[in-house]
Amino acid sequence: MRTRLILWVPLAGFAILAALLLRPLLSPPQRDIPSALIGQAVPEFALAPGAEGRPGLASADLRRGRPQLVNIFASWCLPCRVEAPQLAELARRGVPVVGVAVRDRPEDLARFLAAYGNPFQAIGDDRDRQVQLALGSAGVPETFVVDGRGTIRHQHIGAIMAEDVPAILAAYEAAR
C-alpha cells in the first residue's frame, strides 16, 4: 500500500506544478496597465519626418492647445494593420492623429500607408526607439491621448479594436 502511494506522489507533484504554470497562460491578458507617465508631460523629443509628404513630430507639437492621439506603430507590426481602420475612423471623427514610426524604413512605411491608409497628420521617425521608450511604451501598437498642454491623459496598449473606439473618444473628449 505504501509503495502504491509513493508511485502517485510524483504524478500529483507534476499536476500541481502544471496547474500553477498554466494558470497565467489560460487567464485573460491584463490590458489595463497604467503608465507611470499618465498625468505627466510628454518627454522632450524631436523626430525627423518618417514619411514623405508628412512633417516629423516633436514634443512641442503636442503642446499647441488641442488634444491629439499619439500612435506608436510600425509597418512590420501585424496588429498595426488590424487597428488601421479604427485610426481612420477616429481621424474621420475629427480626432487629430500623429504617429511615431518605430524601427522602420521609409520605403516600408510608404507601402504600409498606401495599403492601410494614412490617418496621420505627422509621422516621426523613431528608428532607435528612443521616443517610444521615453513614453514608457514597450511595444507596438500603443496609443496615447495627449492634452493640448502636452500632458499624457490616457494610454491604450495594443491594437485599437472597434469596441475600443468609444473609450478612446471619451478619453479624447476628457482631454479637451
N, C-alpha and C. Protein backbone atom coordinates (compact mmCIF):
# COMPACT_ATOMS: atom_id res chain seq x y z
N MET A 1 0.83 -1.19 0.00
CA MET A 1 0.00 0.00 0.00
C MET A 1 0.87 1.26 0.00
N ARG A 2 1.89 1.25 0.83
CA ARG A 2 2.78 2.39 0.93
C ARG A 2 3.53 2.59 -0.40
N THR A 3 3.91 1.52 -1.07
CA THR A 3 4.60 1.59 -2.34
C THR A 3 3.70 2.21 -3.40
N ARG A 4 2.44 1.88 -3.39
CA ARG A 4 1.49 2.47 -4.35
C ARG A 4 1.35 3.97 -4.14
N LEU A 5 1.30 4.39 -2.89
CA LEU A 5 1.18 5.81 -2.58
C LEU A 5 2.41 6.58 -3.06
N ILE A 6 3.57 6.02 -2.87
CA ILE A 6 4.82 6.66 -3.31
C ILE A 6 4.83 6.81 -4.82
N LEU A 7 4.24 5.90 -5.56
CA LEU A 7 4.20 5.99 -7.01
C LEU A 7 3.33 7.16 -7.48
N TRP A 8 2.33 7.54 -6.74
CA TRP A 8 1.43 8.62 -7.11
C TRP A 8 1.96 10.00 -6.73
N VAL A 9 2.90 10.09 -5.81
CA VAL A 9 3.42 11.39 -5.35
C VAL A 9 4.05 12.19 -6.50
N PRO A 10 4.92 11.62 -7.34
CA PRO A 10 5.47 12.42 -8.44
C PRO A 10 4.39 12.91 -9.41
N LEU A 11 3.41 12.07 -9.68
CA LEU A 11 2.33 12.49 -10.59
C LEU A 11 1.53 13.64 -9.98
N ALA A 12 1.22 13.56 -8.71
CA ALA A 12 0.49 14.64 -8.04
C ALA A 12 1.32 15.92 -8.04
N GLY A 13 2.62 15.79 -7.78
CA GLY A 13 3.51 16.95 -7.81
C GLY A 13 3.55 17.59 -9.18
N PHE A 14 3.62 16.76 -10.21
CA PHE A 14 3.62 17.28 -11.58
C PHE A 14 2.31 17.99 -11.89
N ALA A 15 1.18 17.42 -11.47
CA ALA A 15 -0.12 18.04 -11.73
C ALA A 15 -0.22 19.39 -11.04
N ILE A 16 0.25 19.49 -9.83
CA ILE A 16 0.21 20.78 -9.12
C ILE A 16 1.10 21.80 -9.80
N LEU A 17 2.31 21.40 -10.18
CA LEU A 17 3.22 22.30 -10.88
C LEU A 17 2.63 22.75 -12.22
N ALA A 18 2.06 21.83 -12.98
CA ALA A 18 1.45 22.16 -14.27
C ALA A 18 0.31 23.15 -14.09
N ALA A 19 -0.51 22.95 -13.08
CA ALA A 19 -1.63 23.87 -12.82
C ALA A 19 -1.11 25.26 -12.49
N LEU A 20 -0.07 25.35 -11.70
CA LEU A 20 0.50 26.66 -11.33
C LEU A 20 1.10 27.37 -12.54
N LEU A 21 1.73 26.61 -13.42
CA LEU A 21 2.36 27.22 -14.59
C LEU A 21 1.35 27.56 -15.69
N LEU A 22 0.29 26.79 -15.83
CA LEU A 22 -0.70 27.04 -16.88
C LEU A 22 -1.71 28.13 -16.52
N ARG A 23 -1.92 28.36 -15.26
CA ARG A 23 -2.93 29.33 -14.84
C ARG A 23 -2.73 30.71 -15.48
N PRO A 24 -1.52 31.29 -15.43
CA PRO A 24 -1.35 32.60 -16.07
C PRO A 24 -1.55 32.56 -17.58
N LEU A 25 -1.22 31.44 -18.20
CA LEU A 25 -1.37 31.33 -19.65
C LEU A 25 -2.83 31.24 -20.07
N LEU A 26 -3.67 30.68 -19.23
CA LEU A 26 -5.07 30.49 -19.58
C LEU A 26 -5.97 31.64 -19.14
N SER A 27 -5.47 32.51 -18.26
CA SER A 27 -6.28 33.65 -17.83
C SER A 27 -6.19 34.75 -18.87
N PRO A 28 -7.20 35.60 -18.95
CA PRO A 28 -7.17 36.67 -19.96
C PRO A 28 -6.02 37.64 -19.67
N PRO A 29 -5.44 38.21 -20.74
CA PRO A 29 -4.32 39.12 -20.54
C PRO A 29 -4.76 40.40 -19.83
N GLN A 30 -3.87 40.95 -19.05
CA GLN A 30 -4.12 42.22 -18.37
C GLN A 30 -3.81 43.34 -19.37
N ARG A 31 -4.83 44.03 -19.83
CA ARG A 31 -4.65 45.09 -20.82
C ARG A 31 -4.67 46.46 -20.16
N ASP A 32 -5.02 46.51 -18.91
CA ASP A 32 -5.16 47.79 -18.23
C ASP A 32 -3.93 48.04 -17.35
N ILE A 33 -2.81 48.28 -18.00
CA ILE A 33 -1.56 48.52 -17.28
C ILE A 33 -1.34 50.03 -17.26
N PRO A 34 -1.51 50.66 -16.12
CA PRO A 34 -1.38 52.11 -16.10
C PRO A 34 0.07 52.55 -16.31
N SER A 35 0.25 53.52 -17.17
CA SER A 35 1.57 54.07 -17.42
C SER A 35 1.97 54.98 -16.28
N ALA A 36 3.24 54.97 -15.97
CA ALA A 36 3.75 55.88 -14.94
C ALA A 36 3.71 57.32 -15.44
N LEU A 37 3.52 57.51 -16.75
CA LEU A 37 3.52 58.86 -17.31
C LEU A 37 2.13 59.48 -17.42
N ILE A 38 1.08 58.76 -17.05
CA ILE A 38 -0.26 59.36 -17.08
C ILE A 38 -0.24 60.55 -16.11
N GLY A 39 -0.67 61.70 -16.61
CA GLY A 39 -0.65 62.92 -15.82
C GLY A 39 0.68 63.66 -15.88
N GLN A 40 1.62 63.12 -16.62
CA GLN A 40 2.94 63.75 -16.76
C GLN A 40 3.07 64.37 -18.16
N ALA A 41 3.99 65.32 -18.27
CA ALA A 41 4.27 65.93 -19.57
C ALA A 41 4.97 64.92 -20.48
N VAL A 42 4.69 65.04 -21.76
CA VAL A 42 5.38 64.23 -22.75
C VAL A 42 6.87 64.58 -22.68
N PRO A 43 7.75 63.58 -22.67
CA PRO A 43 9.18 63.88 -22.66
C PRO A 43 9.60 64.69 -23.89
N GLU A 44 10.65 65.46 -23.75
CA GLU A 44 11.14 66.27 -24.87
C GLU A 44 11.72 65.37 -25.96
N PHE A 45 11.32 65.66 -27.20
CA PHE A 45 11.87 64.94 -28.34
C PHE A 45 11.62 65.73 -29.61
N ALA A 46 12.36 65.40 -30.63
CA ALA A 46 12.17 65.95 -31.98
C ALA A 46 12.56 64.86 -32.96
N LEU A 47 11.59 64.43 -33.76
CA LEU A 47 11.82 63.36 -34.73
C LEU A 47 11.72 63.90 -36.15
N ALA A 48 12.61 63.44 -37.00
CA ALA A 48 12.56 63.78 -38.42
C ALA A 48 11.32 63.13 -39.03
N PRO A 49 10.88 63.62 -40.19
CA PRO A 49 9.73 63.00 -40.85
C PRO A 49 9.97 61.52 -41.15
N GLY A 50 8.95 60.72 -40.91
CA GLY A 50 9.05 59.29 -41.18
C GLY A 50 8.46 58.92 -42.52
N ALA A 51 7.66 59.82 -43.10
CA ALA A 51 7.00 59.53 -44.38
C ALA A 51 7.02 60.78 -45.23
N GLU A 52 7.20 60.57 -46.51
CA GLU A 52 7.19 61.68 -47.45
C GLU A 52 5.82 62.34 -47.46
N GLY A 53 5.81 63.65 -47.46
CA GLY A 53 4.56 64.39 -47.50
C GLY A 53 3.94 64.66 -46.15
N ARG A 54 4.58 64.21 -45.09
CA ARG A 54 4.10 64.47 -43.73
C ARG A 54 5.26 65.05 -42.93
N PRO A 55 4.96 66.02 -42.06
CA PRO A 55 6.04 66.55 -41.22
C PRO A 55 6.46 65.54 -40.16
N GLY A 56 7.63 65.78 -39.57
CA GLY A 56 8.09 64.98 -38.44
C GLY A 56 7.27 65.35 -37.22
N LEU A 57 7.71 64.91 -36.07
CA LEU A 57 6.96 65.14 -34.85
C LEU A 57 7.90 65.52 -33.72
N ALA A 58 7.50 66.51 -32.95
CA ALA A 58 8.27 66.95 -31.79
C ALA A 58 7.32 67.12 -30.62
N SER A 59 7.88 67.05 -29.43
CA SER A 59 7.05 67.23 -28.23
C SER A 59 6.38 68.60 -28.23
N ALA A 60 7.03 69.60 -28.80
CA ALA A 60 6.42 70.93 -28.87
C ALA A 60 5.13 70.92 -29.68
N ASP A 61 5.03 70.02 -30.67
CA ASP A 61 3.81 69.91 -31.49
C ASP A 61 2.62 69.43 -30.65
N LEU A 62 2.89 68.79 -29.53
CA LEU A 62 1.83 68.24 -28.68
C LEU A 62 1.40 69.24 -27.60
N ARG A 63 1.96 70.45 -27.65
CA ARG A 63 1.60 71.49 -26.69
C ARG A 63 1.00 72.70 -27.39
N ARG A 64 0.25 72.47 -28.41
CA ARG A 64 -0.29 73.57 -29.20
C ARG A 64 -1.77 73.83 -28.95
N GLY A 65 -2.26 73.45 -27.80
CA GLY A 65 -3.61 73.82 -27.41
C GLY A 65 -4.73 72.87 -27.76
N ARG A 66 -4.45 71.79 -28.44
CA ARG A 66 -5.52 70.84 -28.76
C ARG A 66 -5.04 69.42 -28.47
N PRO A 67 -5.92 68.58 -27.95
CA PRO A 67 -5.52 67.21 -27.68
C PRO A 67 -5.28 66.44 -28.98
N GLN A 68 -4.45 65.41 -28.89
CA GLN A 68 -4.12 64.59 -30.04
C GLN A 68 -3.92 63.15 -29.59
N LEU A 69 -4.06 62.25 -30.54
CA LEU A 69 -3.68 60.86 -30.31
C LEU A 69 -2.27 60.68 -30.84
N VAL A 70 -1.42 60.09 -30.04
CA VAL A 70 -0.07 59.74 -30.48
C VAL A 70 -0.04 58.22 -30.60
N ASN A 71 0.08 57.75 -31.83
CA ASN A 71 0.05 56.32 -32.11
C ASN A 71 1.46 55.83 -32.42
N ILE A 72 1.93 54.88 -31.64
CA ILE A 72 3.23 54.27 -31.88
C ILE A 72 2.97 53.02 -32.71
N PHE A 73 3.60 52.96 -33.89
CA PHE A 73 3.29 51.88 -34.82
C PHE A 73 4.51 51.54 -35.66
N ALA A 74 4.38 50.53 -36.51
CA ALA A 74 5.43 50.14 -37.44
C ALA A 74 4.82 49.39 -38.61
N SER A 75 5.47 49.49 -39.76
CA SER A 75 4.96 48.79 -40.95
C SER A 75 5.05 47.28 -40.79
N TRP A 76 5.99 46.79 -40.02
CA TRP A 76 6.20 45.35 -39.82
C TRP A 76 5.29 44.77 -38.75
N CYS A 77 4.48 45.58 -38.11
CA CYS A 77 3.62 45.19 -36.99
C CYS A 77 2.26 44.72 -37.51
N LEU A 78 1.96 43.44 -37.33
CA LEU A 78 0.67 42.91 -37.79
C LEU A 78 -0.52 43.53 -37.07
N PRO A 79 -0.51 43.70 -35.73
CA PRO A 79 -1.64 44.35 -35.07
C PRO A 79 -1.85 45.80 -35.53
N CYS A 80 -0.79 46.45 -36.01
CA CYS A 80 -0.94 47.82 -36.53
C CYS A 80 -1.83 47.84 -37.77
N ARG A 81 -1.78 46.77 -38.54
CA ARG A 81 -2.65 46.65 -39.71
C ARG A 81 -4.10 46.47 -39.28
N VAL A 82 -4.29 45.75 -38.19
CA VAL A 82 -5.64 45.49 -37.67
C VAL A 82 -6.28 46.78 -37.17
N GLU A 83 -5.48 47.65 -36.54
CA GLU A 83 -6.06 48.86 -35.97
C GLU A 83 -6.21 50.00 -36.97
N ALA A 84 -5.66 49.85 -38.18
CA ALA A 84 -5.70 50.93 -39.17
C ALA A 84 -7.12 51.45 -39.44
N PRO A 85 -8.13 50.61 -39.60
CA PRO A 85 -9.48 51.16 -39.84
C PRO A 85 -10.01 51.99 -38.66
N GLN A 86 -9.64 51.61 -37.45
CA GLN A 86 -10.10 52.36 -36.27
C GLN A 86 -9.41 53.72 -36.20
N LEU A 87 -8.12 53.77 -36.54
CA LEU A 87 -7.43 55.07 -36.57
C LEU A 87 -8.06 55.96 -37.63
N ALA A 88 -8.39 55.37 -38.79
CA ALA A 88 -9.04 56.14 -39.85
C ALA A 88 -10.39 56.67 -39.37
N GLU A 89 -11.13 55.85 -38.63
CA GLU A 89 -12.44 56.27 -38.11
C GLU A 89 -12.28 57.41 -37.10
N LEU A 90 -11.30 57.30 -36.23
CA LEU A 90 -11.05 58.37 -35.25
C LEU A 90 -10.68 59.66 -35.97
N ALA A 91 -9.83 59.59 -36.98
CA ALA A 91 -9.47 60.78 -37.75
C ALA A 91 -10.69 61.34 -38.47
N ARG A 92 -11.53 60.47 -39.01
CA ARG A 92 -12.74 60.91 -39.70
C ARG A 92 -13.67 61.67 -38.74
N ARG A 93 -13.66 61.28 -37.48
CA ARG A 93 -14.49 61.93 -36.47
C ARG A 93 -13.85 63.21 -35.91
N GLY A 94 -12.74 63.62 -36.51
CA GLY A 94 -12.12 64.88 -36.12
C GLY A 94 -11.04 64.79 -35.06
N VAL A 95 -10.63 63.58 -34.72
CA VAL A 95 -9.57 63.41 -33.73
C VAL A 95 -8.22 63.50 -34.45
N PRO A 96 -7.38 64.47 -34.07
CA PRO A 96 -6.07 64.56 -34.70
C PRO A 96 -5.19 63.38 -34.27
N VAL A 97 -4.63 62.68 -35.26
CA VAL A 97 -3.78 61.51 -35.01
C VAL A 97 -2.39 61.79 -35.56
N VAL A 98 -1.39 61.62 -34.71
CA VAL A 98 0.00 61.72 -35.14
C VAL A 98 0.67 60.39 -34.84
N GLY A 99 1.73 60.09 -35.56
CA GLY A 99 2.36 58.79 -35.41
C GLY A 99 3.84 58.86 -35.09
N VAL A 100 4.29 57.82 -34.43
CA VAL A 100 5.71 57.60 -34.18
C VAL A 100 6.02 56.24 -34.80
N ALA A 101 6.76 56.26 -35.90
CA ALA A 101 7.12 55.03 -36.62
C ALA A 101 8.39 54.46 -35.99
N VAL A 102 8.27 53.23 -35.48
CA VAL A 102 9.35 52.61 -34.72
C VAL A 102 10.13 51.63 -35.60
N ARG A 103 11.44 51.77 -35.59
CA ARG A 103 12.35 50.86 -36.31
C ARG A 103 11.85 50.54 -37.72
N ASP A 104 11.60 51.58 -38.48
CA ASP A 104 11.02 51.41 -39.80
C ASP A 104 11.91 52.03 -40.86
N ARG A 105 11.72 51.59 -42.09
CA ARG A 105 12.41 52.18 -43.23
C ARG A 105 11.39 52.97 -44.04
N PRO A 106 11.79 54.10 -44.61
CA PRO A 106 10.83 54.94 -45.35
C PRO A 106 10.07 54.19 -46.43
N GLU A 107 10.75 53.31 -47.17
CA GLU A 107 10.07 52.60 -48.25
C GLU A 107 9.03 51.60 -47.71
N ASP A 108 9.33 50.96 -46.59
CA ASP A 108 8.37 50.05 -45.97
C ASP A 108 7.18 50.82 -45.41
N LEU A 109 7.47 51.95 -44.80
CA LEU A 109 6.41 52.78 -44.24
C LEU A 109 5.50 53.30 -45.35
N ALA A 110 6.09 53.71 -46.47
CA ALA A 110 5.29 54.20 -47.60
C ALA A 110 4.35 53.11 -48.12
N ARG A 111 4.84 51.88 -48.22
CA ARG A 111 3.99 50.76 -48.66
C ARG A 111 2.87 50.50 -47.65
N PHE A 112 3.20 50.54 -46.37
CA PHE A 112 2.21 50.32 -45.33
C PHE A 112 1.09 51.36 -45.41
N LEU A 113 1.47 52.63 -45.51
CA LEU A 113 0.48 53.71 -45.57
C LEU A 113 -0.36 53.63 -46.84
N ALA A 114 0.24 53.22 -47.94
CA ALA A 114 -0.51 53.07 -49.19
C ALA A 114 -1.53 51.93 -49.08
N ALA A 115 -1.16 50.87 -48.39
CA ALA A 115 -2.04 49.70 -48.27
C ALA A 115 -3.11 49.87 -47.21
N TYR A 116 -2.79 50.51 -46.09
CA TYR A 116 -3.70 50.54 -44.94
C TYR A 116 -4.25 51.92 -44.60
N GLY A 117 -3.84 52.93 -45.35
CA GLY A 117 -4.34 54.28 -45.13
C GLY A 117 -3.39 55.11 -44.28
N ASN A 118 -3.59 56.42 -44.37
CA ASN A 118 -2.71 57.34 -43.65
C ASN A 118 -3.55 58.37 -42.90
N PRO A 119 -3.96 58.05 -41.68
CA PRO A 119 -4.75 59.00 -40.89
C PRO A 119 -3.88 60.02 -40.16
N PHE A 120 -2.56 59.93 -40.33
CA PHE A 120 -1.62 60.72 -39.54
C PHE A 120 -1.41 62.12 -40.11
N GLN A 121 -1.48 63.11 -39.22
CA GLN A 121 -1.17 64.48 -39.62
C GLN A 121 0.34 64.71 -39.64
N ALA A 122 1.06 63.95 -38.84
CA ALA A 122 2.52 64.00 -38.79
C ALA A 122 3.00 62.60 -38.41
N ILE A 123 4.20 62.26 -38.89
CA ILE A 123 4.80 60.96 -38.54
C ILE A 123 6.27 61.19 -38.25
N GLY A 124 6.67 60.86 -37.03
CA GLY A 124 8.08 60.97 -36.65
C GLY A 124 8.79 59.65 -36.83
N ASP A 125 10.03 59.71 -37.25
CA ASP A 125 10.86 58.53 -37.48
C ASP A 125 11.66 58.20 -36.22
N ASP A 126 11.28 57.14 -35.53
CA ASP A 126 11.93 56.73 -34.28
C ASP A 126 12.67 55.42 -34.50
N ARG A 127 13.68 55.45 -35.36
CA ARG A 127 14.40 54.22 -35.72
C ARG A 127 15.08 53.55 -34.54
N ASP A 128 15.55 54.33 -33.59
CA ASP A 128 16.27 53.74 -32.46
C ASP A 128 15.41 53.56 -31.22
N ARG A 129 14.12 53.79 -31.31
CA ARG A 129 13.12 53.56 -30.26
C ARG A 129 13.29 54.48 -29.04
N GLN A 130 14.04 55.55 -29.17
CA GLN A 130 14.27 56.42 -28.02
C GLN A 130 12.99 57.09 -27.55
N VAL A 131 12.18 57.57 -28.47
CA VAL A 131 10.92 58.23 -28.08
C VAL A 131 9.93 57.20 -27.56
N GLN A 132 9.86 56.06 -28.22
CA GLN A 132 8.97 55.00 -27.75
C GLN A 132 9.28 54.66 -26.29
N LEU A 133 10.54 54.45 -25.99
CA LEU A 133 10.93 54.08 -24.63
C LEU A 133 10.72 55.24 -23.66
N ALA A 134 10.98 56.47 -24.10
CA ALA A 134 10.78 57.63 -23.24
C ALA A 134 9.31 57.79 -22.86
N LEU A 135 8.42 57.38 -23.76
CA LEU A 135 6.98 57.44 -23.47
C LEU A 135 6.51 56.29 -22.57
N GLY A 136 7.39 55.37 -22.30
CA GLY A 136 7.02 54.24 -21.46
C GLY A 136 6.33 53.13 -22.23
N SER A 137 6.47 53.14 -23.54
CA SER A 137 5.85 52.13 -24.39
C SER A 137 6.80 50.95 -24.55
N ALA A 138 6.26 49.77 -24.40
CA ALA A 138 7.07 48.57 -24.54
C ALA A 138 6.90 47.89 -25.89
N GLY A 139 5.84 48.21 -26.60
CA GLY A 139 5.58 47.52 -27.86
C GLY A 139 4.74 48.35 -28.79
N VAL A 140 4.46 47.76 -29.93
CA VAL A 140 3.60 48.41 -30.92
C VAL A 140 2.43 47.48 -31.22
N PRO A 141 1.29 48.01 -31.49
CA PRO A 141 0.94 49.42 -31.41
C PRO A 141 0.59 49.83 -29.98
N GLU A 142 0.69 51.09 -29.76
CA GLU A 142 0.31 51.68 -28.48
C GLU A 142 -0.11 53.12 -28.78
N THR A 143 -1.14 53.57 -28.10
CA THR A 143 -1.69 54.89 -28.39
C THR A 143 -1.86 55.68 -27.10
N PHE A 144 -1.50 56.95 -27.17
CA PHE A 144 -1.63 57.86 -26.04
C PHE A 144 -2.55 59.01 -26.42
N VAL A 145 -3.41 59.43 -25.48
CA VAL A 145 -4.16 60.66 -25.63
C VAL A 145 -3.36 61.72 -24.88
N VAL A 146 -2.99 62.78 -25.61
CA VAL A 146 -2.19 63.86 -25.03
C VAL A 146 -3.04 65.13 -25.11
N ASP A 147 -3.18 65.82 -23.98
CA ASP A 147 -3.99 67.04 -23.99
C ASP A 147 -3.23 68.18 -24.67
N GLY A 148 -3.86 69.34 -24.81
CA GLY A 148 -3.29 70.47 -25.52
C GLY A 148 -2.09 71.10 -24.85
N ARG A 149 -1.81 70.73 -23.62
CA ARG A 149 -0.63 71.23 -22.91
C ARG A 149 0.52 70.23 -22.95
N GLY A 150 0.31 69.11 -23.63
CA GLY A 150 1.36 68.11 -23.75
C GLY A 150 1.41 67.12 -22.61
N THR A 151 0.30 66.99 -21.89
CA THR A 151 0.23 66.05 -20.77
C THR A 151 -0.46 64.77 -21.22
N ILE A 152 0.14 63.64 -20.89
CA ILE A 152 -0.44 62.34 -21.26
C ILE A 152 -1.65 62.08 -20.36
N ARG A 153 -2.80 61.86 -20.98
CA ARG A 153 -4.04 61.65 -20.24
C ARG A 153 -4.56 60.22 -20.29
N HIS A 154 -4.16 59.46 -21.30
CA HIS A 154 -4.70 58.11 -21.46
C HIS A 154 -3.70 57.29 -22.27
N GLN A 155 -3.65 56.01 -21.98
CA GLN A 155 -2.78 55.09 -22.71
C GLN A 155 -3.59 53.87 -23.10
N HIS A 156 -3.49 53.48 -24.37
CA HIS A 156 -4.14 52.25 -24.84
C HIS A 156 -3.04 51.33 -25.34
N ILE A 157 -2.92 50.16 -24.71
CA ILE A 157 -1.90 49.19 -25.09
C ILE A 157 -2.50 48.20 -26.06
N GLY A 158 -1.80 47.97 -27.16
CA GLY A 158 -2.25 47.02 -28.16
C GLY A 158 -3.06 47.70 -29.25
N ALA A 159 -3.53 46.88 -30.17
CA ALA A 159 -4.31 47.39 -31.30
C ALA A 159 -5.64 47.96 -30.83
N ILE A 160 -6.02 49.07 -31.42
CA ILE A 160 -7.33 49.65 -31.16
C ILE A 160 -8.34 48.85 -31.97
N MET A 161 -9.27 48.23 -31.28
CA MET A 161 -10.31 47.46 -31.95
C MET A 161 -11.57 48.33 -32.02
N ALA A 162 -12.54 47.92 -32.80
CA ALA A 162 -13.77 48.70 -32.96
C ALA A 162 -14.44 48.98 -31.62
N GLU A 163 -14.41 47.99 -30.71
CA GLU A 163 -15.05 48.19 -29.41
C GLU A 163 -14.27 49.14 -28.51
N ASP A 164 -13.02 49.47 -28.86
CA ASP A 164 -12.21 50.41 -28.07
C ASP A 164 -12.44 51.86 -28.47
N VAL A 165 -13.00 52.09 -29.65
CA VAL A 165 -13.17 53.46 -30.17
C VAL A 165 -13.97 54.34 -29.22
N PRO A 166 -15.10 53.91 -28.66
CA PRO A 166 -15.83 54.80 -27.74
C PRO A 166 -15.00 55.25 -26.52
N ALA A 167 -14.21 54.35 -25.96
CA ALA A 167 -13.39 54.71 -24.79
C ALA A 167 -12.30 55.70 -25.18
N ILE A 168 -11.73 55.52 -26.37
CA ILE A 168 -10.69 56.45 -26.81
C ILE A 168 -11.31 57.81 -27.14
N LEU A 169 -12.48 57.81 -27.76
CA LEU A 169 -13.18 59.08 -28.00
C LEU A 169 -13.50 59.79 -26.68
N ALA A 170 -13.92 59.03 -25.68
CA ALA A 170 -14.23 59.62 -24.37
C ALA A 170 -12.96 60.19 -23.74
N ALA A 171 -11.86 59.49 -23.84
CA ALA A 171 -10.59 59.99 -23.29
C ALA A 171 -10.14 61.26 -24.03
N TYR A 172 -10.35 61.26 -25.33
CA TYR A 172 -10.01 62.45 -26.13
C TYR A 172 -10.88 63.63 -25.70
N GLU A 173 -12.18 63.41 -25.56
CA GLU A 173 -13.08 64.49 -25.14
C GLU A 173 -12.73 64.99 -23.74
N ALA A 174 -12.37 64.09 -22.86
CA ALA A 174 -12.00 64.48 -21.49
C ALA A 174 -10.71 65.30 -21.48
N ALA A 175 -9.86 65.11 -22.49
CA ALA A 175 -8.60 65.84 -22.57
C ALA A 175 -8.77 67.24 -23.16
N ARG A 176 -9.96 67.55 -23.67
CA ARG A 176 -10.21 68.86 -24.30
C ARG A 176 -10.30 69.96 -23.28
